[in-house]
C-alpha atoms as a PDB file:
ATOM      1  CA  MET A   1      89.361  71.431  22.538  1.00  0.00           C
ATOM      2  CA  ASP A   2      92.062  70.843  25.137  1.00  0.00           C
ATOM      3  CA  ARG A   3      95.302  69.167  24.106  1.00  0.00           C
ATOM      4  CA  GLY A   4      95.974  65.567  25.074  1.00  0.00           C
ATOM      5  CA  ALA A   5      93.908  62.413  25.034  1.00  0.00           C
ATOM      6  CA  ALA A   6      91.707  63.311  27.977  1.00  0.00           C
ATOM      7  CA  ASP A   7      88.875  61.114  29.180  1.00  0.00           C
ATOM      8  CA  HIS A   8      85.439  62.394  30.110  1.00  0.00           C
ATOM      9  CA  GLY A   9      85.649  64.340  33.368  1.00  0.00           C
ATOM     10  CA  TRP A  10      83.314  64.657  36.342  1.00  0.00           C
ATOM     11  CA  PRO A  11      80.800  62.158  34.888  1.00  0.00           C
ATOM     12  CA  GLY A  12      77.521  63.263  36.395  1.00  0.00           C
ATOM     13  CA  GLY A  13      78.961  64.264  39.752  1.00  0.00           C
ATOM     14  CA  PRO A  14      78.771  62.652  43.166  1.00  0.00           C
ATOM     15  CA  ALA A  15      75.526  61.731  44.817  1.00  0.00           C
ATOM     16  CA  ARG A  16      74.073  64.065  47.407  1.00  0.00           C
ATOM     17  CA  ASP A  17      75.423  61.750  50.128  1.00  0.00           C
ATOM     18  CA  GLY A  18      78.695  63.638  49.727  1.00  0.00           C
ATOM     19  CA  ARG A  19      80.788  60.829  48.288  1.00  0.00           C
ATOM     20  CA  ALA A  20      82.515  61.379  45.007  1.00  0.00           C
ATOM     21  CA  GLY A  21      82.772  57.672  44.374  1.00  0.00           C
ATOM     22  CA  GLY A  22      83.846  54.602  46.312  1.00  0.00           C
ATOM     23  CA  ASP A  23      86.240  55.568  49.098  1.00  0.00           C
ATOM     24  CA  GLY A  24      87.196  58.821  47.387  1.00  0.00           C
ATOM     25  CA  TYR A  25      87.089  62.392  48.587  1.00  0.00           C
ATOM     26  CA  ALA A  26      84.010  63.607  50.450  1.00  0.00           C
ATOM     27  CA  LEU A  27      82.279  66.803  49.405  1.00  0.00           C
ATOM     28  CA  GLY A  28      79.944  68.492  51.811  1.00  0.00           C
ATOM     29  CA  ALA A  29      80.221  66.114  54.751  1.00  0.00           C
ATOM     30  CA  GLN A  30      79.043  69.156  56.721  1.00  0.00           C
ATOM     31  CA  PRO A  31      77.771  71.550  54.042  1.00  0.00           C
ATOM     32  CA  ALA A  32      78.099  75.117  55.214  1.00  0.00           C
ATOM     33  CA  ARG A  33      75.518  77.855  55.527  1.00  0.00           C
ATOM     34  CA  LEU A  34      76.933  81.099  54.139  1.00  0.00           C
ATOM     35  CA  ARG A  35      75.533  84.560  54.661  1.00  0.00           C
ATOM     36  CA  ALA A  36      76.610  88.047  53.648  1.00  0.00           C
ATOM     37  CA  ASP A  37      74.915  90.716  55.737  1.00  0.00           C
ATOM     38  CA  ARG A  38      74.901  94.237  54.207  1.00  0.00           C
ATOM     39  CA  VAL A  39      78.465  93.874  52.974  1.00  0.00           C
ATOM     40  CA  GLY A  40      80.289  96.903  51.615  1.00  0.00           C
ATOM     41  CA  TRP A  41      83.820  97.182  50.268  1.00  0.00           C
ATOM     42  CA  GLY A  42      85.897  99.620  48.267  1.00  0.00           C
ATOM     43  CA  VAL A  43      89.430 100.337  47.155  1.00  0.00           C
ATOM     44  CA  ALA A  44      91.287 103.625  46.597  1.00  0.00           C
ATOM     45  CA  GLY A  45      88.182 105.582  47.466  1.00  0.00           C
ATOM     46  CA  VAL A  46      86.024 103.736  44.913  1.00  0.00           C
ATOM     47  CA  ARG A  47      82.958 101.942  46.247  1.00  0.00           C
ATOM     48  CA  VAL A  48      82.945  98.436  44.696  1.00  0.00           C
ATOM     49  CA  LEU A  49      80.233  96.730  46.785  1.00  0.00           C
ATOM     50  CA  ALA A  50      77.397  98.325  48.743  1.00  0.00           C
ATOM     51  CA  GLU A  51      74.821  96.783  51.083  1.00  0.00           C
ATOM     52  CA  VAL A  52      75.181  93.325  49.538  1.00  0.00           C
ATOM     53  CA  ALA A  53      73.032  90.604  51.094  1.00  0.00           C
ATOM     54  CA  LEU A  54      73.388  86.962  50.134  1.00  0.00           C
ATOM     55  CA  ALA A  55      72.390  83.606  51.600  1.00  0.00           C
ATOM     56  CA  ALA A  56      73.513  80.142  50.535  1.00  0.00           C
ATOM     57  CA  GLU A  57      71.802  77.323  52.390  1.00  0.00           C
ATOM     58  CA  PRO A  58      73.654  74.044  53.061  1.00  0.00           C
ATOM     59  CA  GLY A  59      74.026  71.909  49.959  1.00  0.00           C
ATOM     60  CA  THR A  60      72.668  74.471  47.497  1.00  0.00           C
ATOM     61  CA  THR A  61      74.291  76.002  44.429  1.00  0.00           C
ATOM     62  CA  VAL A  62      74.092  79.797  44.224  1.00  0.00           C
ATOM     63  CA  GLY A  63      75.074  81.648  41.063  1.00  0.00           C
ATOM     64  CA  LEU A  64      76.467  85.189  41.078  1.00  0.00           C
ATOM     65  CA  LEU A  65      75.553  87.042  37.899  1.00  0.00           C
ATOM     66  CA  GLY A  66      76.212  90.480  36.500  1.00  0.00           C
ATOM     67  CA  PRO A  67      78.141  92.280  33.765  1.00  0.00           C
ATOM     68  CA  ASN A  68      81.862  92.906  34.002  1.00  0.00           C
ATOM     69  CA  GLY A  69      82.634  95.372  36.779  1.00  0.00           C
ATOM     70  CA  SER A  70      79.515  94.544  38.781  1.00  0.00           C
ATOM     71  CA  GLY A  71      81.523  93.269  41.764  1.00  0.00           C
ATOM     72  CA  LYS A  72      81.162  89.494  41.406  1.00  0.00           C
ATOM     73  CA  SER A  73      84.840  88.616  41.839  1.00  0.00           C
ATOM     74  CA  SER A  74      85.293  91.127  44.666  1.00  0.00           C
ATOM     75  CA  LEU A  75      82.310  89.664  46.493  1.00  0.00           C
ATOM     76  CA  LEU A  76      83.625  86.130  46.042  1.00  0.00           C
ATOM     77  CA  ARG A  77      86.962  87.135  47.606  1.00  0.00           C
ATOM     78  CA  LEU A  78      85.168  88.494  50.664  1.00  0.00           C
ATOM     79  CA  LEU A  79      83.060  85.339  50.929  1.00  0.00           C
ATOM     80  CA  ALA A  80      86.288  83.310  50.880  1.00  0.00           C
ATOM     81  CA  GLY A  81      87.887  85.337  53.650  1.00  0.00           C
ATOM     82  CA  LEU A  82      90.589  86.620  51.280  1.00  0.00           C
ATOM     83  CA  GLY A  83      89.663  90.168  52.246  1.00  0.00           C
ATOM     84  CA  ARG A  84      87.577  91.910  54.887  1.00  0.00           C
ATOM     85  CA  PRO A  85      84.506  94.000  54.166  1.00  0.00           C
ATOM     86  CA  ASP A  86      84.581  97.678  55.100  1.00  0.00           C
ATOM     87  CA  SER A  87      81.066  97.287  56.446  1.00  0.00           C
ATOM     88  CA  GLY A  88      78.705  94.430  57.159  1.00  0.00           C
ATOM     89  CA  ARG A  89      79.570  90.823  57.936  1.00  0.00           C
ATOM     90  CA  VAL A  90      80.243  87.492  56.251  1.00  0.00           C
ATOM     91  CA  LEU A  91      79.135  84.506  58.323  1.00  0.00           C
ATOM     92  CA  LEU A  92      79.897  80.810  57.974  1.00  0.00           C
ATOM     93  CA  ASP A  93      77.375  78.746  59.929  1.00  0.00           C
ATOM     94  CA  ASP A  94      76.446  81.927  61.827  1.00  0.00           C
ATOM     95  CA  VAL A  95      80.057  82.625  62.870  1.00  0.00           C
ATOM     96  CA  GLU A  96      81.821  85.699  61.473  1.00  0.00           C
ATOM     97  CA  LEU A  97      84.455  84.646  58.989  1.00  0.00           C
ATOM     98  CA  ARG A  98      87.046  87.059  60.391  1.00  0.00           C
ATOM     99  CA  THR A  99      86.981  85.279  63.775  1.00  0.00           C
ATOM    100  CA  LEU A 100      87.810  81.825  62.401  1.00  0.00           C
ATOM    101  CA  PRO A 101      91.428  80.554  62.409  1.00  0.00           C
ATOM    102  CA  ARG A 102      93.078  80.341  58.993  1.00  0.00           C
ATOM    103  CA  ARG A 103      93.506  76.572  59.294  1.00  0.00           C
ATOM    104  CA  VAL A 104      89.781  76.147  59.896  1.00  0.00           C
ATOM    105  CA  LEU A 105      88.990  78.290  56.861  1.00  0.00           C
ATOM    106  CA  ALA A 106      91.472  76.310  54.759  1.00  0.00           C
ATOM    107  CA  ARG A 107      89.705  73.077  55.634  1.00  0.00           C
ATOM    108  CA  ARG A 108      86.163  74.343  55.226  1.00  0.00           C
ATOM    109  CA  ILE A 109      86.429  76.693  52.217  1.00  0.00           C
ATOM    110  CA  ALA A 110      88.018  75.979  48.843  1.00  0.00           C
ATOM    111  CA  VAL A 111      88.403  78.681  46.202  1.00  0.00           C
ATOM    112  CA  VAL A 112      88.990  78.513  42.456  1.00  0.00           C
ATOM    113  CA  THR A 113      89.970  81.927  41.107  1.00  0.00           C
ATOM    114  CA  GLN A 114      90.052  83.185  37.525  1.00  0.00           C
ATOM    115  CA  HIS A 115      93.772  83.816  37.408  1.00  0.00           C
ATOM    116  CA  THR A 116      96.434  81.307  38.411  1.00  0.00           C
ATOM    117  CA  ALA A 117     100.192  81.670  38.071  1.00  0.00           C
ATOM    118  CA  THR A 118     101.502  80.430  34.731  1.00  0.00           C
ATOM    119  CA  ASP A 119     105.141  80.023  35.758  1.00  0.00           C
ATOM    120  CA  VAL A 120     104.591  77.358  38.429  1.00  0.00           C
ATOM    121  CA  GLU A 121     107.168  74.587  38.072  1.00  0.00           C
ATOM    122  CA  MET A 122     105.035  71.795  39.495  1.00  0.00           C
ATOM    123  CA  SER A 123     103.405  68.749  38.017  1.00  0.00           C
ATOM    124  CA  ALA A 124      99.629  68.491  37.698  1.00  0.00           C
ATOM    125  CA  LEU A 125      99.591  65.949  40.527  1.00  0.00           C
ATOM    126  CA  GLU A 126     101.652  68.220  42.795  1.00  0.00           C
ATOM    127  CA  VAL A 127      99.247  71.108  42.194  1.00  0.00           C
ATOM    128  CA  ILE A 128      96.281  68.939  43.182  1.00  0.00           C
ATOM    129  CA  LEU A 129      98.091  67.774  46.327  1.00  0.00           C
ATOM    130  CA  LEU A 130      98.177  71.410  47.501  1.00  0.00           C
ATOM    131  CA  GLY A 131      94.538  70.849  48.426  1.00  0.00           C
ATOM    132  CA  ARG A 132      95.582  68.357  51.098  1.00  0.00           C
ATOM    133  CA  ILE A 133      97.965  70.729  52.915  1.00  0.00           C
ATOM    134  CA  PRO A 134      95.338  71.859  55.492  1.00  0.00           C
ATOM    135  CA  TYR A 135      95.126  68.254  56.708  1.00  0.00           C
ATOM    136  CA  ARG A 136      98.874  67.656  57.126  1.00  0.00           C
ATOM    137  CA  SER A 137     101.152  68.566  59.981  1.00  0.00           C
ATOM    138  CA  ARG A 138     103.940  70.964  59.108  1.00  0.00           C
ATOM    139  CA  LEU A 139     106.684  68.333  58.800  1.00  0.00           C
ATOM    140  CA  ALA A 140     104.618  65.466  57.430  1.00  0.00           C
ATOM    141  CA  GLY A 141     105.158  64.156  53.938  1.00  0.00           C
ATOM    142  CA  VAL A 142     102.491  63.186  51.435  1.00  0.00           C
ATOM    143  CA  ALA A 143     100.376  60.344  52.791  1.00  0.00           C
ATOM    144  CA  ALA A 144      99.426  57.428  50.560  1.00  0.00           C
ATOM    145  CA  ALA A 145      95.743  58.232  51.090  1.00  0.00           C
ATOM    146  CA  ASP A 146      96.286  61.827  49.931  1.00  0.00           C
ATOM    147  CA  LEU A 147      98.120  60.595  46.852  1.00  0.00           C
ATOM    148  CA  ALA A 148      95.234  58.269  46.019  1.00  0.00           C
ATOM    149  CA  LEU A 149      92.725  61.127  46.385  1.00  0.00           C
ATOM    150  CA  ALA A 150      94.769  63.358  44.103  1.00  0.00           C
ATOM    151  CA  ARG A 151      95.032  60.659  41.440  1.00  0.00           C
ATOM    152  CA  GLN A 152      91.296  60.017  41.619  1.00  0.00           C
ATOM    153  CA  ALA A 153      90.538  63.730  41.254  1.00  0.00           C
ATOM    154  CA  LEU A 154      92.882  63.991  38.275  1.00  0.00           C
ATOM    155  CA  ALA A 155      91.148  61.061  36.578  1.00  0.00           C
ATOM    156  CA  GLU A 156      87.693  62.476  37.305  1.00  0.00           C
ATOM    157  CA  ALA A 157      88.806  65.763  35.765  1.00  0.00           C
ATOM    158  CA  GLY A 158      89.383  63.817  32.544  1.00  0.00           C
ATOM    159  CA  LEU A 159      93.164  64.087  32.858  1.00  0.00           C
ATOM    160  CA  ALA A 160      94.237  60.535  33.652  1.00  0.00           C
ATOM    161  CA  GLY A 161      97.835  60.153  32.536  1.00  0.00           C
ATOM    162  CA  PHE A 162      98.636  63.823  33.174  1.00  0.00           C
ATOM    163  CA  GLU A 163     100.246  63.230  36.595  1.00  0.00           C
ATOM    164  CA  GLN A 164     103.731  64.327  35.570  1.00  0.00           C
ATOM    165  CA  ARG A 165     102.713  66.998  33.061  1.00  0.00           C
ATOM    166  CA  ARG A 166     104.222  70.329  34.088  1.00  0.00           C
ATOM    167  CA  TRP A 167     101.763  73.083  34.928  1.00  0.00           C
ATOM    168  CA  SER A 168     103.425  75.430  32.442  1.00  0.00           C
ATOM    169  CA  SER A 169     102.813  72.934  29.616  1.00  0.00           C
ATOM    170  CA  LEU A 170      99.049  72.674  30.188  1.00  0.00           C
ATOM    171  CA  SER A 171      96.452  74.482  28.111  1.00  0.00           C
ATOM    172  CA  GLY A 172      94.117  76.983  29.743  1.00  0.00           C
ATOM    173  CA  GLY A 173      91.334  74.422  29.981  1.00  0.00           C
ATOM    174  CA  GLU A 174      93.620  71.765  31.424  1.00  0.00           C
ATOM    175  CA  ARG A 175      94.893  74.190  34.069  1.00  0.00           C
ATOM    176  CA  GLN A 176      91.334  75.077  34.963  1.00  0.00           C
ATOM    177  CA  ARG A 177      90.415  71.426  35.461  1.00  0.00           C
ATOM    178  CA  VAL A 178      93.541  70.735  37.539  1.00  0.00           C
ATOM    179  CA  ASP A 179      92.784  73.742  39.747  1.00  0.00           C
ATOM    180  CA  ILE A 180      89.204  72.565  40.250  1.00  0.00           C
ATOM    181  CA  ALA A 181      90.504  69.093  41.139  1.00  0.00           C
ATOM    182  CA  ARG A 182      92.812  70.742  43.702  1.00  0.00           C
ATOM    183  CA  ALA A 183      89.793  72.413  45.295  1.00  0.00           C
ATOM    184  CA  LEU A 184      87.802  69.167  45.344  1.00  0.00           C
ATOM    185  CA  VAL A 185      90.465  67.153  47.209  1.00  0.00           C
ATOM    186  CA  GLN A 186      90.376  69.868  49.851  1.00  0.00           C
ATOM    187  CA  GLU A 187      86.986  68.297  50.736  1.00  0.00           C
ATOM    188  CA  PRO A 188      85.388  71.671  51.471  1.00  0.00           C
ATOM    189  CA  ASP A 189      82.056  72.392  53.080  1.00  0.00           C
ATOM    190  CA  LEU A 190      81.895  75.543  50.932  1.00  0.00           C
ATOM    191  CA  LEU A 191      83.214  75.703  47.373  1.00  0.00           C
ATOM    192  CA  LEU A 192      83.656  79.128  45.735  1.00  0.00           C
ATOM    193  CA  LEU A 193      84.423  79.338  42.019  1.00  0.00           C
ATOM    194  CA  ASP A 194      85.058  82.456  39.942  1.00  0.00           C
ATOM    195  CA  GLU A 195      83.968  81.837  36.338  1.00  0.00           C
ATOM    196  CA  PRO A 196      85.117  78.194  36.352  1.00  0.00           C
ATOM    197  CA  THR A 197      83.750  77.560  32.853  1.00  0.00           C
ATOM    198  CA  ASN A 198      86.291  79.953  31.318  1.00  0.00           C
ATOM    199  CA  HIS A 199      88.697  78.072  29.011  1.00  0.00           C
ATOM    200  CA  LEU A 200      86.523  74.932  29.098  1.00  0.00           C
ATOM    201  CA  ASP A 201      84.903  73.509  25.991  1.00  0.00           C
ATOM    202  CA  ILE A 202      81.145  72.951  26.031  1.00  0.00           C
ATOM    203  CA  ARG A 203      81.330  69.321  27.124  1.00  0.00           C
ATOM    204  CA  HIS A 204      83.516  70.087  30.123  1.00  0.00           C
ATOM    205  CA  GLN A 205      81.395  73.108  31.065  1.00  0.00           C
ATOM    206  CA  LEU A 206      78.300  70.931  31.254  1.00  0.00           C
ATOM    207  CA  GLU A 207      80.065  68.104  33.081  1.00  0.00           C
ATOM    208  CA  LEU A 208      81.510  70.482  35.668  1.00  0.00           C
ATOM    209  CA  LEU A 209      78.247  72.287  36.397  1.00  0.00           C
ATOM    210  CA  ARG A 210      76.343  68.995  36.551  1.00  0.00           C
ATOM    211  CA  PHE A 211      78.948  67.745  39.021  1.00  0.00           C
ATOM    212  CA  LEU A 212      78.697  70.851  41.208  1.00  0.00           C
ATOM    213  CA  ALA A 213      74.902  70.860  41.178  1.00  0.00           C
ATOM    214  CA  GLY A 214      74.858  67.196  42.183  1.00  0.00           C
ATOM    215  CA  SER A 215      77.390  67.504  44.996  1.00  0.00           C
ATOM    216  CA  ALA A 216      76.433  67.731  48.650  1.00  0.00           C
ATOM    217  CA  THR A 217      78.612  70.743  49.351  1.00  0.00           C
ATOM    218  CA  THR A 218      77.480  74.370  49.309  1.00  0.00           C
ATOM    219  CA  VAL A 219      78.576  76.055  46.078  1.00  0.00           C
ATOM    220  CA  VAL A 220      78.779  79.735  45.125  1.00  0.00           C
ATOM    221  CA  VAL A 221      79.839  80.283  41.527  1.00  0.00           C
ATOM    222  CA  THR A 222      80.159  83.334  39.280  1.00  0.00           C
ATOM    223  CA  LEU A 223      78.930  82.793  35.733  1.00  0.00           C
ATOM    224  CA  HIS A 224      78.395  84.813  32.562  1.00  0.00           C
ATOM    225  CA  ASP A 225      76.221  82.299  30.718  1.00  0.00           C
ATOM    226  CA  LEU A 226      72.667  82.962  31.900  1.00  0.00           C
ATOM    227  CA  ASN A 227      71.303  79.735  30.431  1.00  0.00           C
ATOM    228  CA  LEU A 228      73.869  77.629  32.289  1.00  0.00           C
ATOM    229  CA  ALA A 229      73.095  79.538  35.480  1.00  0.00           C
ATOM    230  CA  ALA A 230      69.374  78.953  35.003  1.00  0.00           C
ATOM    231  CA  GLN A 231      69.875  75.253  34.394  1.00  0.00           C
ATOM    232  CA  TYR A 232      72.284  74.369  37.195  1.00  0.00           C
ATOM    233  CA  CYS A 233      71.834  76.866  40.042  1.00  0.00           C
ATOM    234  CA  ASP A 234      69.253  76.620  42.819  1.00  0.00           C
ATOM    235  CA  ARG A 235      69.303  80.368  43.433  1.00  0.00           C
ATOM    236  CA  LEU A 236      70.776  83.400  41.708  1.00  0.00           C
ATOM    237  CA  VAL A 237      72.064  86.774  42.875  1.00  0.00           C
ATOM    238  CA  LEU A 238      72.180  89.443  40.167  1.00  0.00           C
ATOM    239  CA  LEU A 239      74.589  92.351  40.673  1.00  0.00           C
ATOM    240  CA  ARG A 240      74.927  95.694  38.951  1.00  0.00           C
ATOM    241  CA  ALA A 241      77.428  98.373  39.957  1.00  0.00           C
ATOM    242  CA  GLY A 242      78.150  96.617  43.244  1.00  0.00           C
ATOM    243  CA  ARG A 243      74.545  96.300  44.388  1.00  0.00           C
ATOM    244  CA  VAL A 244      72.098  93.406  44.383  1.00  0.00           C
ATOM    245  CA  VAL A 245      69.409  93.992  41.757  1.00  0.00           C
ATOM    246  CA  ALA A 246      67.585  90.716  42.342  1.00  0.00           C
ATOM    247  CA  ALA A 247      67.944  87.474  44.297  1.00  0.00           C
ATOM    248  CA  GLY A 248      65.844  84.341  44.172  1.00  0.00           C
ATOM    249  CA  THR A 249      65.168  81.323  42.001  1.00  0.00           C
ATOM    250  CA  PRO A 250      66.277  81.423  38.355  1.00  0.00           C
ATOM    251  CA  ALA A 251      62.664  82.012  37.284  1.00  0.00           C
ATOM    252  CA  GLU A 252      62.343  84.939  39.688  1.00  0.00           C
ATOM    253  CA  VAL A 253      65.610  86.597  38.692  1.00  0.00           C
ATOM    254  CA  LEU A 254      65.936  86.012  34.954  1.00  0.00           C
ATOM    255  CA  THR A 255      63.106  88.019  33.440  1.00  0.00           C
ATOM    256  CA  ALA A 256      63.309  89.791  30.088  1.00  0.00           C
ATOM    257  CA  SER A 257      62.915  93.213  31.693  1.00  0.00           C
ATOM    258  CA  ARG A 258      65.630  92.581  34.250  1.00  0.00           C
ATOM    259  CA  ILE A 259      68.057  91.242  31.648  1.00  0.00           C
ATOM    260  CA  ALA A 260      67.471  94.399  29.607  1.00  0.00           C
ATOM    261  CA  GLN A 261      67.944  96.572  32.697  1.00  0.00           C
ATOM    262  CA  VAL A 262      71.223  94.980  33.807  1.00  0.00           C
ATOM    263  CA  TYR A 263      72.850  93.786  30.578  1.00  0.00           C
ATOM    264  CA  GLN A 264      71.428  96.344  28.122  1.00  0.00           C
ATOM    265  CA  VAL A 265      70.296  93.640  25.698  1.00  0.00           C
ATOM    266  CA  ARG A 266      66.898  92.474  24.483  1.00  0.00           C
ATOM    267  CA  ALA A 267      66.003  88.893  25.289  1.00  0.00           C
ATOM    268  CA  GLU A 268      63.035  86.583  25.187  1.00  0.00           C
ATOM    269  CA  VAL A 269      62.552  84.286  28.178  1.00  0.00           C
ATOM    270  CA  ASP A 270      60.412  81.173  28.082  1.00  0.00           C
ATOM    271  CA  THR A 271      60.209  78.043  30.213  1.00  0.00           C
ATOM    272  CA  ALA A 272      62.012  74.814  29.403  1.00  0.00           C
ATOM    273  CA  GLY A 273      60.491  71.385  29.970  1.00  0.00           C
ATOM    274  CA  ASP A 274      62.016  71.206  33.452  1.00  0.00           C
ATOM    275  CA  GLY A 275      60.371  74.489  34.449  1.00  0.00           C
ATOM    276  CA  ARG A 276      63.569  76.520  34.356  1.00  0.00           C
ATOM    277  CA  PRO A 277      63.878  79.720  32.332  1.00  0.00           C
ATOM    278  CA  ARG A 278      65.463  79.622  28.895  1.00  0.00           C
ATOM    279  CA  ILE A 279      66.907  82.800  27.406  1.00  0.00           C
ATOM    280  CA  ARG A 280      67.110  83.677  23.720  1.00  0.00           C
ATOM    281  CA  TYR A 281      68.852  86.911  22.814  1.00  0.00           C
ATOM    282  CA  CYS A 282      67.364  89.156  20.142  1.00  0.00           C
ATOM    283  CA  ARG A 283      69.428  90.594  17.324  1.00  0.00           C
ATOM    284  CA  PRO A 284      69.987  94.337  17.605  1.00  0.00           C
ATOM    285  CA  GLN A 285      67.725  96.214  15.236  1.00  0.00           C
ATOM    286  CA  ALA A 286      69.504  97.905  12.350  1.00  0.00           C
ATOM    287  CA  SER A 287      69.552 101.686  12.658  1.00  0.00           C
ATOM    288  CA  GLY A 288      68.395 103.891   9.836  1.00  0.00           C
END
């Protein structure tokens, strides 16, 4: 459990009209359509991604799955415009990402990475306000409206009262929630998150994914928990060794045979009451 007397965060998420609550920040006012077209990328002569195809329709939540080293984080960086593919294209609303000005990308795409600096000497509120920089002129100070948005996001992250807490004093889970709040006040049309449930306790994992699934923005998220992915994602893309093994609805992707093929584990898959797959892992059989 995170330190501090935190309130419940992201309670149920915003409605699909894009409003997070009252006159707060808007998510997905113009939800983006994202497409990766036969994307390939490598580093130091090692092929990391090959012929990757992906589509995220406006307002949907797409989960990227795969074991460690399958290329999920590398693909997410390319989708964010933080790197360029060696082959293929990434398109945002049918426009190649590499042709868009950085300021446009900063307003339309928000990214939450796995690793954030631990030596940042900023308060939690100051970190969240970084999400408003794309909307400010170079010499402008912090507007009252931006300050109100940041405070709302901090409260909705379950961290009311943490405004002046230094980043370096926060637990891993608290940092994760502050960083997600920073991305939300950016009011993106496309939200990309790399394993955002890391460091979060179960309650905050569920609240976050419920929030994302209920938002109006387009979301692409990497996850390790197959049951959470099945419950909260509209579509899944399963990677292995830098290639797409399967893409489709959770029921289409998460079969027992495919889980065994990609993850090298035995699992039983049945259907929950809501029609989504539910995975139960089998104990390894004792040898000898």
